[in-house]
């Protein structure tokens, strides 16, 4: 059997830093921050006269990207 203290360590990963998303003809519904980290979520809405194409809510991933991708606001019917 093994003897001695049990030592377990996990490699630490640098904390994810996702860029602040820019969305034309729309805005973030969530409170704005200067930095977003892993598992932070943001919700979006479009200006009147525009429709959201994509997902309304996105989440910051470990590889510094938003999943699903940041949506677009496109001209649409009211």
PDB file of N, CA and C in Angstrom:
ATOM      1  N   UNK A   1       0.844  -1.193   0.000  1.00  0.00           N
ATOM      2  CA  UNK A   1       0.000   0.000   0.000  1.00  0.00           C
ATOM      3  C   UNK A   1       0.881   1.245   0.000  1.00  0.00           C
ATOM      4  N   UNK A   2       0.279   2.349  -0.455  1.00  0.00           N
ATOM      5  CA  UNK A   2       1.031   3.607  -0.518  1.00  0.00           C
ATOM      6  C   UNK A   2       1.078   4.238   0.861  1.00  0.00           C
ATOM      7  N   UNK A   3       2.172   4.917   1.134  1.00  0.00           N
ATOM      8  CA  UNK A   3       2.306   5.597   2.407  1.00  0.00           C
ATOM      9  C   UNK A   3       2.658   7.049   2.156  1.00  0.00           C
ATOM     10  N   UNK A   4       2.395   7.880   3.158  1.00  0.00           N
ATOM     11  CA  UNK A   4       2.706   9.296   3.030  1.00  0.00           C
ATOM     12  C   UNK A   4       1.431  10.098   2.794  1.00  0.00           C
ATOM     13  N   UNK A   5       1.588  11.402   2.840  1.00  0.00           N
ATOM     14  CA  UNK A   5       0.407  12.257   2.676  1.00  0.00           C
ATOM     15  C   UNK A   5      -0.140  12.186   1.249  1.00  0.00           C
ATOM     16  N   UNK A   6      -1.446  12.279   1.162  1.00  0.00           N
ATOM     17  CA  UNK A   6      -2.094  12.306  -0.146  1.00  0.00           C
ATOM     18  C   UNK A   6      -2.061  13.745  -0.643  1.00  0.00           C
ATOM     19  N   UNK A   7      -1.509  13.923  -1.821  1.00  0.00           N
ATOM     20  CA  UNK A   7      -1.414  15.273  -2.375  1.00  0.00           C
ATOM     21  C   UNK A   7      -2.088  15.287  -3.729  1.00  0.00           C
ATOM     22  N   UNK A   8      -3.114  16.083  -3.818  1.00  0.00           N
ATOM     23  CA  UNK A   8      -3.788  16.244  -5.098  1.00  0.00           C
ATOM     24  C   UNK A   8      -3.752  17.710  -5.462  1.00  0.00           C
ATOM     25  N   UNK A   9      -3.388  17.971  -6.675  1.00  0.00           N
ATOM     26  CA  UNK A   9      -3.405  19.362  -7.110  1.00  0.00           C
ATOM     27  C   UNK A   9      -3.986  19.429  -8.508  1.00  0.00           C
ATOM     28  N   UNK A  10      -4.618  20.526  -8.786  1.00  0.00           N
ATOM     29  CA  UNK A  10      -5.191  20.738 -10.108  1.00  0.00           C
ATOM     30  C   UNK A  10      -4.423  21.861 -10.784  1.00  0.00           C
ATOM     31  N   UNK A  11      -4.166  21.662 -12.046  1.00  0.00           N
ATOM     32  CA  UNK A  11      -3.515  22.735 -12.795  1.00  0.00           C
ATOM     33  C   UNK A  11      -4.486  23.903 -12.866  1.00  0.00           C
ATOM     34  N   UNK A  12      -3.999  25.068 -12.557  1.00  0.00           N
ATOM     35  CA  UNK A  12      -4.895  26.217 -12.619  1.00  0.00           C
ATOM     36  C   UNK A  12      -4.852  26.809 -14.018  1.00  0.00           C
ATOM     37  N   UNK A  13      -6.022  27.098 -14.521  1.00  0.00           N
ATOM     38  CA  UNK A  13      -6.124  27.706 -15.840  1.00  0.00           C
ATOM     39  C   UNK A  13      -6.295  29.198 -15.663  1.00  0.00           C
ATOM     40  N   UNK A  14      -5.723  29.984 -16.560  1.00  0.00           N
ATOM     41  CA  UNK A  14      -5.968  31.421 -16.461  1.00  0.00           C
ATOM     42  C   UNK A  14      -7.461  31.673 -16.631  1.00  0.00           C
ATOM     43  N   UNK A  15      -7.970  32.600 -15.864  1.00  0.00           N
ATOM     44  CA  UNK A  15      -9.407  32.853 -15.903  1.00  0.00           C
ATOM     45  C   UNK A  15      -9.810  33.409 -17.262  1.00  0.00           C
ATOM     46  N   UNK A  16     -10.931  32.908 -17.749  1.00  0.00           N
ATOM     47  CA  UNK A  16     -11.430  33.373 -19.047  1.00  0.00           C
ATOM     48  C   UNK A  16     -11.804  34.845 -18.958  1.00  0.00           C
ATOM     49  N   UNK A  17     -11.519  35.567 -20.020  1.00  0.00           N
ATOM     50  CA  UNK A  17     -11.908  36.974 -20.137  1.00  0.00           C
ATOM     51  C   UNK A  17     -12.538  37.158 -21.504  1.00  0.00           C
ATOM     52  N   UNK A  18     -13.840  37.239 -21.536  1.00  0.00           N
ATOM     53  CA  UNK A  18     -14.530  37.412 -22.812  1.00  0.00           C
ATOM     54  C   UNK A  18     -14.642  38.896 -23.135  1.00  0.00           C
ATOM     55  N   UNK A  19     -14.537  39.240 -24.416  1.00  0.00           N
ATOM     56  CA  UNK A  19     -14.664  40.645 -24.797  1.00  0.00           C
ATOM     57  C   UNK A  19     -16.083  41.141 -24.557  1.00  0.00           C
ATOM     58  N   UNK A  20     -16.218  42.436 -24.299  1.00  0.00           N
ATOM     59  CA  UNK A  20     -17.546  43.025 -24.142  1.00  0.00           C
ATOM     60  C   UNK A  20     -18.210  43.004 -25.519  1.00  0.00           C
ATOM     61  N   UNK A  21     -19.346  42.321 -25.649  1.00  0.00           N
ATOM     62  CA  UNK A  21     -19.957  42.207 -26.973  1.00  0.00           C
ATOM     63  C   UNK A  21     -20.521  43.535 -27.463  1.00  0.00           C
ATOM     64  N   UNK A  22     -20.384  43.768 -28.744  1.00  0.00           N
ATOM     65  CA  UNK A  22     -20.982  44.940 -29.383  1.00  0.00           C
ATOM     66  C   UNK A  22     -22.102  44.433 -30.277  1.00  0.00           C
ATOM     67  N   UNK A  23     -23.271  45.032 -30.152  1.00  0.00           N
ATOM     68  CA  UNK A  23     -24.398  44.616 -30.977  1.00  0.00           C
ATOM     69  C   UNK A  23     -25.019  45.864 -31.587  1.00  0.00           C
ATOM     70  N   UNK A  24     -25.012  45.933 -32.913  1.00  0.00           N
ATOM     71  CA  UNK A  24     -25.572  47.099 -33.592  1.00  0.00           C
ATOM     72  C   UNK A  24     -27.089  47.022 -33.567  1.00  0.00           C
ATOM     73  N   UNK A  25     -27.725  48.184 -33.383  1.00  0.00           N
ATOM     74  CA  UNK A  25     -29.185  48.291 -33.373  1.00  0.00           C
ATOM     75  C   UNK A  25     -29.818  47.488 -32.244  1.00  0.00           C
ATOM     76  N   UNK A  26     -29.039  47.283 -31.175  1.00  0.00           N
ATOM     77  CA  UNK A  26     -29.543  46.551 -30.024  1.00  0.00           C
ATOM     78  C   UNK A  26     -28.744  46.928 -28.794  1.00  0.00           C
ATOM     79  N   UNK A  27     -29.055  46.266 -27.693  1.00  0.00           N
ATOM     80  CA  UNK A  27     -28.343  46.559 -26.451  1.00  0.00           C
ATOM     81  C   UNK A  27     -28.358  45.337 -25.545  1.00  0.00           C
ATOM     82  N   UNK A  28     -27.457  45.378 -24.552  1.00  0.00           N
ATOM     83  CA  UNK A  28     -27.422  44.334 -23.542  1.00  0.00           C
ATOM     84  C   UNK A  28     -28.483  44.652 -22.501  1.00  0.00           C
ATOM     85  N   UNK A  29     -29.255  43.643 -22.121  1.00  0.00           N
ATOM     86  CA  UNK A  29     -30.264  43.806 -21.084  1.00  0.00           C
ATOM     87  C   UNK A  29     -29.611  43.635 -19.717  1.00  0.00           C
ATOM     88  N   UNK A  30     -28.616  42.767 -19.655  1.00  0.00           N
ATOM     89  CA  UNK A  30     -27.928  42.482 -18.394  1.00  0.00           C
ATOM     90  C   UNK A  30     -27.105  43.690 -17.960  1.00  0.00           C
ATOM     91  N   UNK A  31     -26.806  43.780 -16.670  1.00  0.00           N
ATOM     92  CA  UNK A  31     -25.941  44.882 -16.217  1.00  0.00           C
ATOM     93  C   UNK A  31     -24.604  44.848 -16.947  1.00  0.00           C
ATOM     94  N   UNK A  32     -24.202  45.988 -17.470  1.00  0.00           N
ATOM     95  CA  UNK A  32     -22.936  46.069 -18.204  1.00  0.00           C
ATOM     96  C   UNK A  32     -21.761  45.971 -17.237  1.00  0.00           C
ATOM     97  N   UNK A  33     -20.714  45.315 -17.675  1.00  0.00           N
ATOM     98  CA  UNK A  33     -19.477  45.203 -16.889  1.00  0.00           C
ATOM     99  C   UNK A  33     -18.313  45.590 -17.784  1.00  0.00           C
ATOM    100  N   UNK A  34     -17.168  45.805 -17.158  1.00  0.00           N
ATOM    101  CA  UNK A  34     -15.974  46.102 -17.948  1.00  0.00           C
ATOM    102  C   UNK A  34     -15.281  44.815 -18.374  1.00  0.00           C
ATOM    103  N   UNK A  35     -15.551  43.709 -17.665  1.00  0.00           N
ATOM    104  CA  UNK A  35     -14.943  42.425 -18.012  1.00  0.00           C
ATOM    105  C   UNK A  35     -15.927  41.307 -17.695  1.00  0.00           C
ATOM    106  N   UNK A  36     -15.864  40.263 -18.507  1.00  0.00           N
ATOM    107  CA  UNK A  36     -16.717  39.099 -18.303  1.00  0.00           C
ATOM    108  C   UNK A  36     -15.832  37.872 -18.177  1.00  0.00           C
ATOM    109  N   UNK A  37     -16.182  36.989 -17.231  1.00  0.00           N
ATOM    110  CA  UNK A  37     -15.380  35.794 -16.989  1.00  0.00           C
ATOM    111  C   UNK A  37     -16.217  34.542 -17.236  1.00  0.00           C
ATOM    112  N   UNK A  38     -15.571  33.387 -17.116  1.00  0.00           N
ATOM    113  CA  UNK A  38     -16.192  32.098 -17.418  1.00  0.00           C
ATOM    114  C   UNK A  38     -17.557  31.950 -16.749  1.00  0.00           C
ATOM    115  N   UNK A  39     -18.531  31.541 -17.537  1.00  0.00           N
ATOM    116  CA  UNK A  39     -19.911  31.276 -17.122  1.00  0.00           C
ATOM    117  C   UNK A  39     -20.752  32.530 -16.905  1.00  0.00           C
ATOM    118  N   UNK A  40     -20.183  33.725 -17.103  1.00  0.00           N
ATOM    119  CA  UNK A  40     -21.024  34.929 -17.083  1.00  0.00           C
ATOM    120  C   UNK A  40     -21.979  34.855 -18.270  1.00  0.00           C
ATOM    121  N   UNK A  41     -23.191  35.344 -18.072  1.00  0.00           N
ATOM    122  CA  UNK A  41     -24.155  35.361 -19.171  1.00  0.00           C
ATOM    123  C   UNK A  41     -24.620  36.785 -19.432  1.00  0.00           C
ATOM    124  N   UNK A  42     -25.000  37.024 -20.679  1.00  0.00           N
ATOM    125  CA  UNK A  42     -25.525  38.322 -21.090  1.00  0.00           C
ATOM    126  C   UNK A  42     -26.769  38.062 -21.928  1.00  0.00           C
ATOM    127  N   UNK A  43     -27.790  38.906 -21.731  1.00  0.00           N
ATOM    128  CA  UNK A  43     -28.992  38.853 -22.566  1.00  0.00           C
ATOM    129  C   UNK A  43     -29.046  40.119 -23.410  1.00  0.00           C
ATOM    130  N   UNK A  44     -29.623  40.002 -24.594  1.00  0.00           N
ATOM    131  CA  UNK A  44     -29.700  41.120 -25.537  1.00  0.00           C
ATOM    132  C   UNK A  44     -31.142  41.391 -25.932  1.00  0.00           C
ATOM    133  N   UNK A  45     -31.386  42.617 -26.373  1.00  0.00           N
ATOM    134  CA  UNK A  45     -32.647  42.949 -27.026  1.00  0.00           C
ATOM    135  C   UNK A  45     -32.348  43.950 -28.129  1.00  0.00           C
ATOM    136  N   UNK A  46     -33.241  43.995 -29.125  1.00  0.00           N
ATOM    137  CA  UNK A  46     -33.039  44.880 -30.273  1.00  0.00           C
ATOM    138  C   UNK A  46     -33.849  46.164 -30.116  1.00  0.00           C
ATOM    139  N   UNK A  47     -33.398  47.183 -30.833  1.00  0.00           N
ATOM    140  CA  UNK A  47     -34.132  48.444 -30.882  1.00  0.00           C
ATOM    141  C   UNK A  47     -35.466  48.212 -31.597  1.00  0.00           C
ATOM    142  N   UNK A  48     -36.448  49.107 -31.368  1.00  0.00           N
ATOM    143  CA  UNK A  48     -37.721  48.980 -32.090  1.00  0.00           C
ATOM    144  C   UNK A  48     -37.492  48.981 -33.602  1.00  0.00           C
ATOM    145  N   UNK A  49     -38.203  48.100 -34.304  1.00  0.00           N
ATOM    146  CA  UNK A  49     -38.050  48.000 -35.750  1.00  0.00           C
ATOM    147  C   UNK A  49     -37.004  46.993 -36.180  1.00  0.00           C
ATOM    148  N   UNK A  50     -36.320  46.367 -35.205  1.00  0.00           N
ATOM    149  CA  UNK A  50     -35.302  45.359 -35.508  1.00  0.00           C
ATOM    150  C   UNK A  50     -35.691  44.044 -34.848  1.00  0.00           C
ATOM    151  N   UNK A  51     -35.290  42.958 -35.462  1.00  0.00           N
ATOM    152  CA  UNK A  51     -35.573  41.639 -34.900  1.00  0.00           C
ATOM    153  C   UNK A  51     -34.260  40.936 -34.572  1.00  0.00           C
ATOM    154  N   UNK A  52     -34.290  40.163 -33.507  1.00  0.00           N
ATOM    155  CA  UNK A  52     -33.096  39.447 -33.048  1.00  0.00           C
ATOM    156  C   UNK A  52     -32.911  38.186 -33.882  1.00  0.00           C
ATOM    157  N   UNK A  53     -31.725  38.027 -34.438  1.00  0.00           N
ATOM    158  CA  UNK A  53     -31.393  36.802 -35.159  1.00  0.00           C
ATOM    159  C   UNK A  53     -30.284  36.111 -34.384  1.00  0.00           C
ATOM    160  N   UNK A  54     -30.590  34.928 -33.879  1.00  0.00           N
ATOM    161  CA  UNK A  54     -29.632  34.207 -33.050  1.00  0.00           C
ATOM    162  C   UNK A  54     -30.221  33.995 -31.662  1.00  0.00           C
ATOM    163  N   UNK A  55     -29.359  33.770 -30.701  1.00  0.00           N
ATOM    164  CA  UNK A  55     -29.796  33.485 -29.332  1.00  0.00           C
ATOM    165  C   UNK A  55     -29.779  34.759 -28.502  1.00  0.00           C
ATOM    166  N   UNK A  56     -30.811  34.915 -27.678  1.00  0.00           N
ATOM    167  CA  UNK A  56     -30.930  36.118 -26.852  1.00  0.00           C
ATOM    168  C   UNK A  56     -29.923  36.120 -25.703  1.00  0.00           C
ATOM    169  N   UNK A  57     -29.568  34.933 -25.204  1.00  0.00           N
ATOM    170  CA  UNK A  57     -28.649  34.831 -24.061  1.00  0.00           C
ATOM    171  C   UNK A  57     -27.392  34.079 -24.494  1.00  0.00           C
ATOM    172  N   UNK A  58     -26.220  34.644 -24.160  1.00  0.00           N
ATOM    173  CA  UNK A  58     -24.942  34.002 -24.475  1.00  0.00           C
ATOM    174  C   UNK A  58     -24.126  33.855 -23.190  1.00  0.00           C
ATOM    175  N   UNK A  59     -23.180  32.914 -23.188  1.00  0.00           N
ATOM    176  CA  UNK A  59     -22.367  32.635 -21.998  1.00  0.00           C
ATOM    177  C   UNK A  59     -20.887  32.636 -22.352  1.00  0.00           C
ATOM    178  N   UNK A  60     -20.085  33.225 -21.467  1.00  0.00           N
ATOM    179  CA  UNK A  60     -18.632  33.287 -21.653  1.00  0.00           C
ATOM    180  C   UNK A  60     -18.018  31.904 -21.436  1.00  0.00           C
ATOM    181  N   UNK A  61     -17.195  31.480 -22.403  1.00  0.00           N
ATOM    182  CA  UNK A  61     -16.545  30.171 -22.345  1.00  0.00           C
ATOM    183  C   UNK A  61     -15.075  30.315 -21.946  1.00  0.00           C
ATOM    184  N   UNK A  62     -14.460  29.187 -21.588  1.00  0.00           N
ATOM    185  CA  UNK A  62     -13.059  29.200 -21.152  1.00  0.00           C
ATOM    186  C   UNK A  62     -12.095  29.667 -22.238  1.00  0.00           C
ATOM    187  N   UNK A  63     -12.492  29.517 -23.511  1.00  0.00           N
ATOM    188  CA  UNK A  63     -11.598  29.927 -24.599  1.00  0.00           C
ATOM    189  C   UNK A  63     -11.828  31.384 -25.007  1.00  0.00           C
ATOM    190  N   UNK A  64     -12.453  32.155 -24.111  1.00  0.00           N
ATOM    191  CA  UNK A  64     -12.659  33.603 -24.309  1.00  0.00           C
ATOM    192  C   UNK A  64     -13.624  33.938 -25.441  1.00  0.00           C
ATOM    193  N   UNK A  65     -14.555  33.040 -25.721  1.00  0.00           N
ATOM    194  CA  UNK A  65     -15.573  33.319 -26.731  1.00  0.00           C
ATOM    195  C   UNK A  65     -16.953  33.216 -26.095  1.00  0.00           C
ATOM    196  N   UNK A  66     -17.938  33.720 -26.796  1.00  0.00           N
ATOM    197  CA  UNK A  66     -19.328  33.643 -26.350  1.00  0.00           C
ATOM    198  C   UNK A  66     -20.012  32.488 -27.063  1.00  0.00           C
ATOM    199  N   UNK A  67     -20.728  31.666 -26.303  1.00  0.00           N
ATOM    200  CA  UNK A  67     -21.511  30.570 -26.874  1.00  0.00           C
ATOM    201  C   UNK A  67     -22.916  30.642 -26.310  1.00  0.00           C
ATOM    202  N   UNK A  68     -23.917  30.521 -27.143  1.00  0.00           N
ATOM    203  CA  UNK A  68     -23.815  30.572 -28.599  1.00  0.00           C
ATOM    204  C   UNK A  68     -23.292  31.929 -29.049  1.00  0.00           C
ATOM    205  N   UNK A  69     -22.980  32.105 -30.332  1.00  0.00           N
ATOM    206  CA  UNK A  69     -22.418  33.389 -30.777  1.00  0.00           C
ATOM    207  C   UNK A  69     -23.351  34.565 -30.488  1.00  0.00           C
ATOM    208  N   UNK A  70     -22.761  35.737 -30.326  1.00  0.00           N
ATOM    209  CA  UNK A  70     -23.531  36.961 -30.070  1.00  0.00           C
ATOM    210  C   UNK A  70     -24.517  37.168 -31.228  1.00  0.00           C
ATOM    211  N   UNK A  71     -25.785  37.459 -30.914  1.00  0.00           N
ATOM    212  CA  UNK A  71     -26.796  37.596 -31.968  1.00  0.00           C
ATOM    213  C   UNK A  71     -26.657  38.896 -32.757  1.00  0.00           C
ATOM    214  N   UNK A  72     -27.472  39.009 -33.796  1.00  0.00           N
ATOM    215  CA  UNK A  72     -27.538  40.214 -34.620  1.00  0.00           C
ATOM    216  C   UNK A  72     -28.936  40.806 -34.517  1.00  0.00           C
ATOM    217  N   UNK A  73     -29.021  42.116 -34.698  1.00  0.00           N
ATOM    218  CA  UNK A  73     -30.316  42.775 -34.803  1.00  0.00           C
ATOM    219  C   UNK A  73     -30.463  43.247 -36.243  1.00  0.00           C
ATOM    220  N   UNK A  74     -31.474  42.723 -36.910  1.00  0.00           N
ATOM    221  CA  UNK A  74     -31.679  43.051 -38.318  1.00  0.00           C
ATOM    222  C   UNK A  74     -33.002  43.781 -38.496  1.00  0.00           C
ATOM    223  N   UNK A  75     -33.080  44.650 -39.513  1.00  0.00           N
ATOM    224  CA  UNK A  75     -34.347  45.335 -39.765  1.00  0.00           C
ATOM    225  C   UNK A  75     -35.456  44.309 -39.972  1.00  0.00           C
ATOM    226  N   UNK A  76     -36.594  44.559 -39.342  1.00  0.00           N
ATOM    227  CA  UNK A  76     -37.698  43.614 -39.464  1.00  0.00           C
ATOM    228  C   UNK A  76     -39.024  44.324 -39.342  1.00  0.00           C
ATOM    229  N   UNK A  77     -40.066  43.553 -39.471  1.00  0.00           N
ATOM    230  CA  UNK A  77     -41.407  44.120 -39.341  1.00  0.00           C
ATOM    231  C   UNK A  77     -41.710  44.364 -37.872  1.00  0.00           C
ATOM    232  N   UNK A  78     -42.413  45.423 -37.602  1.00  0.00           N
ATOM    233  CA  UNK A  78     -42.774  45.759 -36.220  1.00  0.00           C
ATOM    234  C   UNK A  78     -43.847  44.813 -35.725  1.00  0.00           C
TER     235      UNK A  78
END
